[in-house]
Amino acid sequence: MEDPDAPGRAFTHWTFWNVPATRRSLSAGFKWKWQGRNDGGSIGYTGPCPPPGAKHRYVFTLYGIDRMVAIPRGASPSQVIRLLIGNHILWSATLVGVYSR
């Protein structure tokens, strides 16, 4: 989950991987072993918090991959993408949500 409209640069809120293809939903408070470090410096999800005023887009990208991948917990978003692109991605889908406060 990334906010491309964050002040200064795009802000990654969440990266996780190795979710089984049989999984159909994520519950509130979802915890997962394989999560990366977000741009706030912590491992796991950090929710949207745009400054008042302008709307922000929140981009959710899902990748279908061909196998479980050995990416260490706490990997940066760029490390995750670098290890997937060109090696394991079979397809991708993107959903963009808009949020403001």
PDB file of N, CA and C in Angstrom:
ATOM      1  N   MET A   1       0.861  -1.162   0.000  1.00  0.00           N
ATOM      2  CA  MET A   1       0.000   0.000   0.000  1.00  0.00           C
ATOM      3  C   MET A   1       0.902   1.217   0.000  1.00  0.00           C
ATOM      4  N   GLU A   2       0.695   2.083  -0.971  1.00  0.00           N
ATOM      5  CA  GLU A   2       1.560   3.249  -1.127  1.00  0.00           C
ATOM      6  C   GLU A   2       0.723   4.504  -1.344  1.00  0.00           C
ATOM      7  N   ASP A   3       1.158   5.612  -0.776  1.00  0.00           N
ATOM      8  CA  ASP A   3       0.542   6.923  -0.981  1.00  0.00           C
ATOM      9  C   ASP A   3       1.465   7.737  -1.877  1.00  0.00           C
ATOM     10  N   PRO A   4       1.168   7.811  -3.194  1.00  0.00           N
ATOM     11  CA  PRO A   4       2.035   8.570  -4.090  1.00  0.00           C
ATOM     12  C   PRO A   4       1.897  10.081  -3.920  1.00  0.00           C
ATOM     13  N   ASP A   5       0.901  10.521  -3.165  1.00  0.00           N
ATOM     14  CA  ASP A   5       0.653  11.950  -2.976  1.00  0.00           C
ATOM     15  C   ASP A   5       1.216  12.490  -1.666  1.00  0.00           C
ATOM     16  N   ALA A   6       1.952  11.682  -0.939  1.00  0.00           N
ATOM     17  CA  ALA A   6       2.545  12.122   0.333  1.00  0.00           C
ATOM     18  C   ALA A   6       3.517  13.271   0.073  1.00  0.00           C
ATOM     19  N   PRO A   7       3.619  14.209   1.024  1.00  0.00           N
ATOM     20  CA  PRO A   7       4.552  15.319   0.845  1.00  0.00           C
ATOM     21  C   PRO A   7       5.989  14.817   0.693  1.00  0.00           C
ATOM     22  N   GLY A   8       6.687  15.310  -0.291  1.00  0.00           N
ATOM     23  CA  GLY A   8       8.092  14.964  -0.483  1.00  0.00           C
ATOM     24  C   GLY A   8       8.335  13.794  -1.410  1.00  0.00           C
ATOM     25  N   ARG A   9       7.682  12.667  -1.159  1.00  0.00           N
ATOM     26  CA  ARG A   9       7.858  11.466  -1.986  1.00  0.00           C
ATOM     27  C   ARG A   9       6.763  10.469  -1.651  1.00  0.00           C
ATOM     28  N   ALA A  10       6.636   9.441  -2.471  1.00  0.00           N
ATOM     29  CA  ALA A  10       5.658   8.385  -2.191  1.00  0.00           C
ATOM     30  C   ALA A  10       5.993   7.727  -0.855  1.00  0.00           C
ATOM     31  N   PHE A  11       4.949   7.395  -0.094  1.00  0.00           N
ATOM     32  CA  PHE A  11       5.114   6.797   1.231  1.00  0.00           C
ATOM     33  C   PHE A  11       4.513   5.405   1.207  1.00  0.00           C
ATOM     34  N   THR A  12       5.313   4.381   1.517  1.00  0.00           N
ATOM     35  CA  THR A  12       4.822   3.009   1.581  1.00  0.00           C
ATOM     36  C   THR A  12       4.284   2.740   2.979  1.00  0.00           C
ATOM     37  N   HIS A  13       3.000   2.339   3.039  1.00  0.00           N
ATOM     38  CA  HIS A  13       2.335   2.055   4.307  1.00  0.00           C
ATOM     39  C   HIS A  13       2.423   0.586   4.698  1.00  0.00           C
ATOM     40  N   TRP A  14       2.576  -0.310   3.693  1.00  0.00           N
ATOM     41  CA  TRP A  14       2.543  -1.732   4.022  1.00  0.00           C
ATOM     42  C   TRP A  14       3.058  -2.562   2.865  1.00  0.00           C
ATOM     43  N   THR A  15       3.872  -3.548   3.175  1.00  0.00           N
ATOM     44  CA  THR A  15       4.333  -4.545   2.218  1.00  0.00           C
ATOM     45  C   THR A  15       4.301  -5.893   2.931  1.00  0.00           C
ATOM     46  N   PHE A  16       3.675  -6.868   2.301  1.00  0.00           N
ATOM     47  CA  PHE A  16       3.704  -8.232   2.849  1.00  0.00           C
ATOM     48  C   PHE A  16       3.646  -9.227   1.706  1.00  0.00           C
ATOM     49  N   TRP A  17       4.068 -10.459   1.969  1.00  0.00           N
ATOM     50  CA  TRP A  17       4.198 -11.452   0.908  1.00  0.00           C
ATOM     51  C   TRP A  17       3.956 -12.848   1.453  1.00  0.00           C
ATOM     52  N   ASN A  18       3.925 -13.807   0.523  1.00  0.00           N
ATOM     53  CA  ASN A  18       3.707 -15.229   0.825  1.00  0.00           C
ATOM     54  C   ASN A  18       2.329 -15.520   1.411  1.00  0.00           C
ATOM     55  N   VAL A  19       1.339 -14.779   0.972  1.00  0.00           N
ATOM     56  CA  VAL A  19      -0.042 -15.055   1.368  1.00  0.00           C
ATOM     57  C   VAL A  19      -0.563 -16.155   0.439  1.00  0.00           C
ATOM     58  N   PRO A  20      -1.097 -17.234   0.974  1.00  0.00           N
ATOM     59  CA  PRO A  20      -1.585 -18.332   0.125  1.00  0.00           C
ATOM     60  C   PRO A  20      -2.689 -17.875  -0.830  1.00  0.00           C
ATOM     61  N   ALA A  21      -2.704 -18.450  -2.016  1.00  0.00           N
ATOM     62  CA  ALA A  21      -3.713 -18.111  -3.021  1.00  0.00           C
ATOM     63  C   ALA A  21      -5.122 -18.433  -2.539  1.00  0.00           C
ATOM     64  N   THR A  22      -5.257 -19.294  -1.555  1.00  0.00           N
ATOM     65  CA  THR A  22      -6.573 -19.669  -1.039  1.00  0.00           C
ATOM     66  C   THR A  22      -7.144 -18.608  -0.094  1.00  0.00           C
ATOM     67  N   ARG A  23      -6.334 -17.683   0.348  1.00  0.00           N
ATOM     68  CA  ARG A  23      -6.784 -16.628   1.278  1.00  0.00           C
ATOM     69  C   ARG A  23      -7.692 -15.664   0.528  1.00  0.00           C
ATOM     70  N   ARG A  24      -8.876 -15.388   1.057  1.00  0.00           N
ATOM     71  CA  ARG A  24      -9.852 -14.547   0.374  1.00  0.00           C
ATOM     72  C   ARG A  24     -10.082 -13.205   1.050  1.00  0.00           C
ATOM     73  N   SER A  25      -9.571 -13.024   2.272  1.00  0.00           N
ATOM     74  CA  SER A  25      -9.778 -11.753   2.969  1.00  0.00           C
ATOM     75  C   SER A  25      -8.717 -11.597   4.058  1.00  0.00           C
ATOM     76  N   LEU A  26      -8.611 -10.372   4.550  1.00  0.00           N
ATOM     77  CA  LEU A  26      -7.725 -10.061   5.672  1.00  0.00           C
ATOM     78  C   LEU A  26      -8.583  -9.433   6.760  1.00  0.00           C
ATOM     79  N   SER A  27      -8.516  -9.960   7.945  1.00  0.00           N
ATOM     80  CA  SER A  27      -9.327  -9.441   9.044  1.00  0.00           C
ATOM     81  C   SER A  27      -8.685  -8.189   9.639  1.00  0.00           C
ATOM     82  N   ALA A  28      -9.471  -7.420  10.366  1.00  0.00           N
ATOM     83  CA  ALA A  28      -8.939  -6.265  11.088  1.00  0.00           C
ATOM     84  C   ALA A  28      -7.856  -6.756  12.046  1.00  0.00           C
ATOM     85  N   GLY A  29      -6.765  -6.033  12.134  1.00  0.00           N
ATOM     86  CA  GLY A  29      -5.681  -6.450  13.006  1.00  0.00           C
ATOM     87  C   GLY A  29      -4.854  -7.595  12.448  1.00  0.00           C
ATOM     88  N   PHE A  30      -4.972  -7.850  11.156  1.00  0.00           N
ATOM     89  CA  PHE A  30      -4.258  -8.928  10.467  1.00  0.00           C
ATOM     90  C   PHE A  30      -2.776  -8.905  10.827  1.00  0.00           C
ATOM     91  N   LYS A  31      -2.250 -10.018  11.268  1.00  0.00           N
ATOM     92  CA  LYS A  31      -0.823 -10.175  11.578  1.00  0.00           C
ATOM     93  C   LYS A  31      -0.264 -11.225  10.625  1.00  0.00           C
ATOM     94  N   TRP A  32       0.924 -10.985  10.115  1.00  0.00           N
ATOM     95  CA  TRP A  32       1.509 -11.902   9.160  1.00  0.00           C
ATOM     96  C   TRP A  32       2.999 -11.971   9.382  1.00  0.00           C
ATOM     97  N   LYS A  33       3.554 -13.162   9.283  1.00  0.00           N
ATOM     98  CA  LYS A  33       4.984 -13.379   9.521  1.00  0.00           C
ATOM     99  C   LYS A  33       5.855 -12.601   8.545  1.00  0.00           C
ATOM    100  N   TRP A  34       5.472 -12.592   7.280  1.00  0.00           N
ATOM    101  CA  TRP A  34       6.302 -11.992   6.239  1.00  0.00           C
ATOM    102  C   TRP A  34       5.806 -10.593   5.901  1.00  0.00           C
ATOM    103  N   GLN A  35       6.294  -9.623   6.674  1.00  0.00           N
ATOM    104  CA  GLN A  35       5.950  -8.231   6.434  1.00  0.00           C
ATOM    105  C   GLN A  35       7.226  -7.405   6.333  1.00  0.00           C
ATOM    106  N   GLY A  36       7.153  -6.366   5.523  1.00  0.00           N
ATOM    107  CA  GLY A  36       8.308  -5.502   5.351  1.00  0.00           C
ATOM    108  C   GLY A  36       8.221  -4.266   6.231  1.00  0.00           C
ATOM    109  N   ARG A  37       9.292  -3.508   6.186  1.00  0.00           N
ATOM    110  CA  ARG A  37       9.373  -2.247   6.918  1.00  0.00           C
ATOM    111  C   ARG A  37       8.664  -1.178   6.093  1.00  0.00           C
ATOM    112  N   ASN A  38       7.771  -0.425   6.736  1.00  0.00           N
ATOM    113  CA  ASN A  38       7.094   0.662   6.041  1.00  0.00           C
ATOM    114  C   ASN A  38       7.966   1.921   6.106  1.00  0.00           C
ATOM    115  N   ASP A  39       7.548   2.966   5.433  1.00  0.00           N
ATOM    116  CA  ASP A  39       8.358   4.185   5.406  1.00  0.00           C
ATOM    117  C   ASP A  39       8.307   4.966   6.712  1.00  0.00           C
ATOM    118  N   GLY A  40       7.497   4.521   7.657  1.00  0.00           N
ATOM    119  CA  GLY A  40       7.507   5.094   9.002  1.00  0.00           C
ATOM    120  C   GLY A  40       8.579   4.451   9.871  1.00  0.00           C
ATOM    121  N   GLY A  41       9.225   3.397   9.343  1.00  0.00           N
ATOM    122  CA  GLY A  41      10.308   2.746  10.058  1.00  0.00           C
ATOM    123  C   GLY A  41       9.921   1.508  10.840  1.00  0.00           C
ATOM    124  N   SER A  42       8.625   1.170  10.878  1.00  0.00           N
ATOM    125  CA  SER A  42       8.210  -0.016  11.629  1.00  0.00           C
ATOM    126  C   SER A  42       7.833  -1.147  10.679  1.00  0.00           C
ATOM    127  N   ILE A  43       7.786  -2.356  11.220  1.00  0.00           N
ATOM    128  CA  ILE A  43       7.376  -3.516  10.431  1.00  0.00           C
ATOM    129  C   ILE A  43       5.868  -3.648  10.545  1.00  0.00           C
ATOM    130  N   GLY A  44       5.210  -3.808   9.401  1.00  0.00           N
ATOM    131  CA  GLY A  44       3.767  -3.985   9.386  1.00  0.00           C
ATOM    132  C   GLY A  44       3.039  -2.780   8.819  1.00  0.00           C
ATOM    133  N   TYR A  45       1.759  -2.739   9.087  1.00  0.00           N
ATOM    134  CA  TYR A  45       0.847  -1.749   8.518  1.00  0.00           C
ATOM    135  C   TYR A  45       0.841  -0.459   9.328  1.00  0.00           C
ATOM    136  N   THR A  46       0.834   0.647   8.628  1.00  0.00           N
ATOM    137  CA  THR A  46       0.558   1.943   9.229  1.00  0.00           C
ATOM    138  C   THR A  46      -0.521   2.598   8.383  1.00  0.00           C
ATOM    139  N   GLY A  47      -1.583   3.032   9.013  1.00  0.00           N
ATOM    140  CA  GLY A  47      -2.747   3.540   8.303  1.00  0.00           C
ATOM    141  C   GLY A  47      -2.543   4.889   7.649  1.00  0.00           C
ATOM    142  N   PRO A  48      -3.484   5.253   6.763  1.00  0.00           N
ATOM    143  CA  PRO A  48      -3.387   6.534   6.083  1.00  0.00           C
ATOM    144  C   PRO A  48      -3.614   7.697   7.052  1.00  0.00           C
ATOM    145  N   CYS A  49      -2.874   8.757   6.846  1.00  0.00           N
ATOM    146  CA  CYS A  49      -3.025   9.957   7.670  1.00  0.00           C
ATOM    147  C   CYS A  49      -2.573  11.174   6.858  1.00  0.00           C
ATOM    148  N   PRO A  50      -3.315  11.476   5.779  1.00  0.00           N
ATOM    149  CA  PRO A  50      -2.902  12.611   4.949  1.00  0.00           C
ATOM    150  C   PRO A  50      -3.109  13.924   5.693  1.00  0.00           C
ATOM    151  N   PRO A  51      -2.364  14.960   5.315  1.00  0.00           N
ATOM    152  CA  PRO A  51      -2.616  16.259   5.922  1.00  0.00           C
ATOM    153  C   PRO A  51      -4.004  16.742   5.523  1.00  0.00           C
ATOM    154  N   PRO A  52      -4.631  17.588   6.346  1.00  0.00           N
ATOM    155  CA  PRO A  52      -5.956  18.111   5.983  1.00  0.00           C
ATOM    156  C   PRO A  52      -5.912  18.797   4.618  1.00  0.00           C
ATOM    157  N   GLY A  53      -7.012  18.665   3.903  1.00  0.00           N
ATOM    158  CA  GLY A  53      -7.116  19.351   2.615  1.00  0.00           C
ATOM    159  C   GLY A  53      -7.168  18.410   1.438  1.00  0.00           C
ATOM    160  N   ALA A  54      -6.115  18.411   0.668  1.00  0.00           N
ATOM    161  CA  ALA A  54      -6.086  17.682  -0.598  1.00  0.00           C
ATOM    162  C   ALA A  54      -6.301  16.177  -0.403  1.00  0.00           C
ATOM    163  N   LYS A  55      -6.947  15.585  -1.397  1.00  0.00           N
ATOM    164  CA  LYS A  55      -7.155  14.137  -1.380  1.00  0.00           C
ATOM    165  C   LYS A  55      -5.855  13.414  -1.708  1.00  0.00           C
ATOM    166  N   HIS A  56      -5.703  12.230  -1.138  1.00  0.00           N
ATOM    167  CA  HIS A  56      -4.554  11.385  -1.417  1.00  0.00           C
ATOM    168  C   HIS A  56      -5.028  10.070  -2.008  1.00  0.00           C
ATOM    169  N   ARG A  57      -4.257   9.580  -2.949  1.00  0.00           N
ATOM    170  CA  ARG A  57      -4.527   8.261  -3.521  1.00  0.00           C
ATOM    171  C   ARG A  57      -3.741   7.230  -2.720  1.00  0.00           C
ATOM    172  N   TYR A  58      -4.381   6.114  -2.442  1.00  0.00           N
ATOM    173  CA  TYR A  58      -3.726   4.993  -1.786  1.00  0.00           C
ATOM    174  C   TYR A  58      -3.768   3.829  -2.764  1.00  0.00           C
ATOM    175  N   VAL A  59      -2.596   3.382  -3.187  1.00  0.00           N
ATOM    176  CA  VAL A  59      -2.467   2.389  -4.242  1.00  0.00           C
ATOM    177  C   VAL A  59      -2.139   1.036  -3.620  1.00  0.00           C
ATOM    178  N   PHE A  60      -3.019   0.087  -3.843  1.00  0.00           N
ATOM    179  CA  PHE A  60      -2.841  -1.285  -3.384  1.00  0.00           C
ATOM    180  C   PHE A  60      -2.470  -2.120  -4.606  1.00  0.00           C
ATOM    181  N   THR A  61      -1.302  -2.744  -4.595  1.00  0.00           N
ATOM    182  CA  THR A  61      -0.874  -3.587  -5.711  1.00  0.00           C
ATOM    183  C   THR A  61      -0.703  -5.007  -5.193  1.00  0.00           C
ATOM    184  N   LEU A  62      -1.335  -5.917  -5.882  1.00  0.00           N
ATOM    185  CA  LEU A  62      -1.280  -7.337  -5.532  1.00  0.00           C
ATOM    186  C   LEU A  62      -0.546  -8.063  -6.656  1.00  0.00           C
ATOM    187  N   TYR A  63       0.416  -8.882  -6.290  1.00  0.00           N
ATOM    188  CA  TYR A  63       1.156  -9.669  -7.269  1.00  0.00           C
ATOM    189  C   TYR A  63       0.878 -11.145  -7.046  1.00  0.00           C
ATOM    190  N   GLY A  64       0.551 -11.847  -8.127  1.00  0.00           N
ATOM    191  CA  GLY A  64       0.452 -13.301  -8.091  1.00  0.00           C
ATOM    192  C   GLY A  64       1.827 -13.848  -8.437  1.00  0.00           C
ATOM    193  N   ILE A  65       2.400 -14.638  -7.549  1.00  0.00           N
ATOM    194  CA  ILE A  65       3.745 -15.158  -7.790  1.00  0.00           C
ATOM    195  C   ILE A  65       3.717 -16.678  -7.889  1.00  0.00           C
ATOM    196  N   ASP A  66       4.788 -17.227  -8.420  1.00  0.00           N
ATOM    197  CA  ASP A  66       4.807 -18.655  -8.731  1.00  0.00           C
ATOM    198  C   ASP A  66       5.239 -19.554  -7.582  1.00  0.00           C
ATOM    199  N   ARG A  67       5.673 -18.970  -6.453  1.00  0.00           N
ATOM    200  CA  ARG A  67       6.121 -19.788  -5.310  1.00  0.00           C
ATOM    201  C   ARG A  67       6.266 -18.901  -4.079  1.00  0.00           C
ATOM    202  N   MET A  68       6.406 -19.535  -2.950  1.00  0.00           N
ATOM    203  CA  MET A  68       6.755 -18.800  -1.740  1.00  0.00           C
ATOM    204  C   MET A  68       8.172 -18.263  -1.930  1.00  0.00           C
ATOM    205  N   VAL A  69       8.428 -17.071  -1.441  1.00  0.00           N
ATOM    206  CA  VAL A  69       9.739 -16.464  -1.645  1.00  0.00           C
ATOM    207  C   VAL A  69      10.456 -16.252  -0.313  1.00  0.00           C
ATOM    208  N   ALA A  70      11.775 -16.373  -0.347  1.00  0.00           N
ATOM    209  CA  ALA A  70      12.597 -16.224   0.849  1.00  0.00           C
ATOM    210  C   ALA A  70      13.068 -14.772   0.952  1.00  0.00           C
ATOM    211  N   ILE A  71      12.175 -13.923   1.420  1.00  0.00           N
ATOM    212  CA  ILE A  71      12.497 -12.516   1.648  1.00  0.00           C
ATOM    213  C   ILE A  71      12.463 -12.318   3.157  1.00  0.00           C
ATOM    214  N   PRO A  72      13.506 -11.740   3.731  1.00  0.00           N
ATOM    215  CA  PRO A  72      13.534 -11.608   5.189  1.00  0.00           C
ATOM    216  C   PRO A  72      12.517 -10.612   5.721  1.00  0.00           C
ATOM    217  N   ARG A  73      11.936 -10.930   6.871  1.00  0.00           N
ATOM    218  CA  ARG A  73      11.015 -10.015   7.561  1.00  0.00           C
ATOM    219  C   ARG A  73      11.737  -8.684   7.752  1.00  0.00           C
ATOM    220  N   GLY A  74      11.018  -7.595   7.525  1.00  0.00           N
ATOM    221  CA  GLY A  74      11.602  -6.270   7.686  1.00  0.00           C
ATOM    222  C   GLY A  74      12.270  -5.739   6.437  1.00  0.00           C
ATOM    223  N   ALA A  75      12.174  -6.477   5.316  1.00  0.00           N
ATOM    224  CA  ALA A  75      12.764  -6.003   4.059  1.00  0.00           C
ATOM    225  C   ALA A  75      12.094  -4.691   3.647  1.00  0.00           C
ATOM    226  N   SER A  76      12.844  -3.861   2.957  1.00  0.00           N
ATOM    227  CA  SER A  76      12.288  -2.595   2.461  1.00  0.00           C
ATOM    228  C   SER A  76      11.394  -2.885   1.258  1.00  0.00           C
ATOM    229  N   PRO A  77      10.467  -1.983   0.944  1.00  0.00           N
ATOM    230  CA  PRO A  77       9.627  -2.184  -0.242  1.00  0.00           C
ATOM    231  C   PRO A  77      10.450  -2.380  -1.516  1.00  0.00           C
ATOM    232  N   SER A  78      11.520  -1.619  -1.667  1.00  0.00           N
ATOM    233  CA  SER A  78      12.338  -1.759  -2.881  1.00  0.00           C
ATOM    234  C   SER A  78      13.019  -3.122  -2.932  1.00  0.00           C
ATOM    235  N   GLN A  79      13.428  -3.668  -1.787  1.00  0.00           N
ATOM    236  CA  GLN A  79      14.028  -5.008  -1.759  1.00  0.00           C
ATOM    237  C   GLN A  79      13.002  -6.055  -2.193  1.00  0.00           C
ATOM    238  N   VAL A  80      11.777  -5.937  -1.693  1.00  0.00           N
ATOM    239  CA  VAL A  80      10.726  -6.900  -2.039  1.00  0.00           C
ATOM    240  C   VAL A  80      10.470  -6.879  -3.537  1.00  0.00           C
ATOM    241  N   ILE A  81      10.258  -5.696  -4.093  1.00  0.00           N
ATOM    242  CA  ILE A  81       9.971  -5.590  -5.522  1.00  0.00           C
ATOM    243  C   ILE A  81      11.152  -6.083  -6.350  1.00  0.00           C
ATOM    244  N   ARG A  82      12.359  -5.717  -5.967  1.00  0.00           N
ATOM    245  CA  ARG A  82      13.556  -6.136  -6.706  1.00  0.00           C
ATOM    246  C   ARG A  82      13.663  -7.662  -6.746  1.00  0.00           C
ATOM    247  N   LEU A  83      13.318  -8.330  -5.654  1.00  0.00           N
ATOM    248  CA  LEU A  83      13.410  -9.792  -5.612  1.00  0.00           C
ATOM    249  C   LEU A  83      12.283 -10.481  -6.382  1.00  0.00           C
ATOM    250  N   LEU A  84      11.167  -9.786  -6.583  1.00  0.00           N
ATOM    251  CA  LEU A  84      10.044 -10.384  -7.301  1.00  0.00           C
ATOM    252  C   LEU A  84      10.085 -10.131  -8.807  1.00  0.00           C
ATOM    253  N   ILE A  85      10.404  -8.903  -9.200  1.00  0.00           N
ATOM    254  CA  ILE A  85      10.343  -8.532 -10.619  1.00  0.00           C
ATOM    255  C   ILE A  85      11.344  -9.340 -11.424  1.00  0.00           C
ATOM    256  N   GLY A  86      10.849  -9.861 -12.523  1.00  0.00           N
ATOM    257  CA  GLY A  86      11.689 -10.624 -13.430  1.00  0.00           C
ATOM    258  C   GLY A  86      11.912 -12.066 -13.013  1.00  0.00           C
ATOM    259  N   ASN A  87      11.462 -12.434 -11.829  1.00  0.00           N
ATOM    260  CA  ASN A  87      11.717 -13.791 -11.362  1.00  0.00           C
ATOM    261  C   ASN A  87      10.460 -14.590 -11.060  1.00  0.00           C
ATOM    262  N   HIS A  88       9.502 -13.973 -10.376  1.00  0.00           N
ATOM    263  CA  HIS A  88       8.395 -14.757  -9.839  1.00  0.00           C
ATOM    264  C   HIS A  88       7.001 -14.239 -10.179  1.00  0.00           C
ATOM    265  N   ILE A  89       6.848 -13.024 -10.682  1.00  0.00           N
ATOM    266  CA  ILE A  89       5.522 -12.434 -10.890  1.00  0.00           C
ATOM    267  C   ILE A  89       4.842 -13.059 -12.102  1.00  0.00           C
ATOM    268  N   LEU A  90       3.618 -13.580 -11.866  1.00  0.00           N
ATOM    269  CA  LEU A  90       2.803 -14.145 -12.935  1.00  0.00           C
ATOM    270  C   LEU A  90       1.764 -13.140 -13.422  1.00  0.00           C
ATOM    271  N   TRP A  91       1.272 -12.315 -12.515  1.00  0.00           N
ATOM    272  CA  TRP A  91       0.270 -11.293 -12.832  1.00  0.00           C
ATOM    273  C   TRP A  91       0.264 -10.247 -11.727  1.00  0.00           C
ATOM    274  N   SER A  92      -0.398  -9.131 -11.988  1.00  0.00           N
ATOM    275  CA  SER A  92      -0.566  -8.105 -10.955  1.00  0.00           C
ATOM    276  C   SER A  92      -1.914  -7.423 -11.130  1.00  0.00           C
ATOM    277  N   ALA A  93      -2.400  -6.848 -10.053  1.00  0.00           N
ATOM    278  CA  ALA A  93      -3.652  -6.090 -10.057  1.00  0.00           C
ATOM    279  C   ALA A  93      -3.463  -4.883  -9.149  1.00  0.00           C
ATOM    280  N   THR A  94      -4.110  -3.783  -9.498  1.00  0.00           N
ATOM    281  CA  THR A  94      -3.974  -2.556  -8.719  1.00  0.00           C
ATOM    282  C   THR A  94      -5.345  -1.990  -8.404  1.00  0.00           C
ATOM    283  N   LEU A  95      -5.519  -1.552  -7.174  1.00  0.00           N
ATOM    284  CA  LEU A  95      -6.721  -0.857  -6.724  1.00  0.00           C
ATOM    285  C   LEU A  95      -6.276   0.481  -6.144  1.00  0.00           C
ATOM    286  N   VAL A  96      -6.950   1.552  -6.541  1.00  0.00           N
ATOM    287  CA  VAL A  96      -6.617   2.874  -6.024  1.00  0.00           C
ATOM    288  C   VAL A  96      -7.815   3.401  -5.239  1.00  0.00           C
ATOM    289  N   GLY A  97      -7.583   3.717  -3.972  1.00  0.00           N
ATOM    290  CA  GLY A  97      -8.598   4.337  -3.128  1.00  0.00           C
ATOM    291  C   GLY A  97      -8.210   5.788  -2.885  1.00  0.00           C
ATOM    292  N   VAL A  98      -9.206   6.635  -2.684  1.00  0.00           N
ATOM    293  CA  VAL A  98      -8.949   8.053  -2.434  1.00  0.00           C
ATOM    294  C   VAL A  98      -9.456   8.401  -1.034  1.00  0.00           C
ATOM    295  N   TYR A  99      -8.634   9.132  -0.288  1.00  0.00           N
ATOM    296  CA  TYR A  99      -8.960   9.449   1.094  1.00  0.00           C
ATOM    297  C   TYR A  99      -8.512  10.873   1.404  1.00  0.00           C
ATOM    298  N   SER A 100      -9.289  11.550   2.210  1.00  0.00           N
ATOM    299  CA  SER A 100      -8.889  12.870   2.719  1.00  0.00           C
ATOM    300  C   SER A 100      -9.498  13.054   4.099  1.00  0.00           C
ATOM    301  N   ARG A 101      -9.037  14.062   4.793  1.00  0.00           N
ATOM    302  CA  ARG A 101      -9.631  14.367   6.084  1.00  0.00           C
ATOM    303  C   ARG A 101      -9.756  15.861   6.241  1.00  0.00           C
TER     304      ARG A 101
END
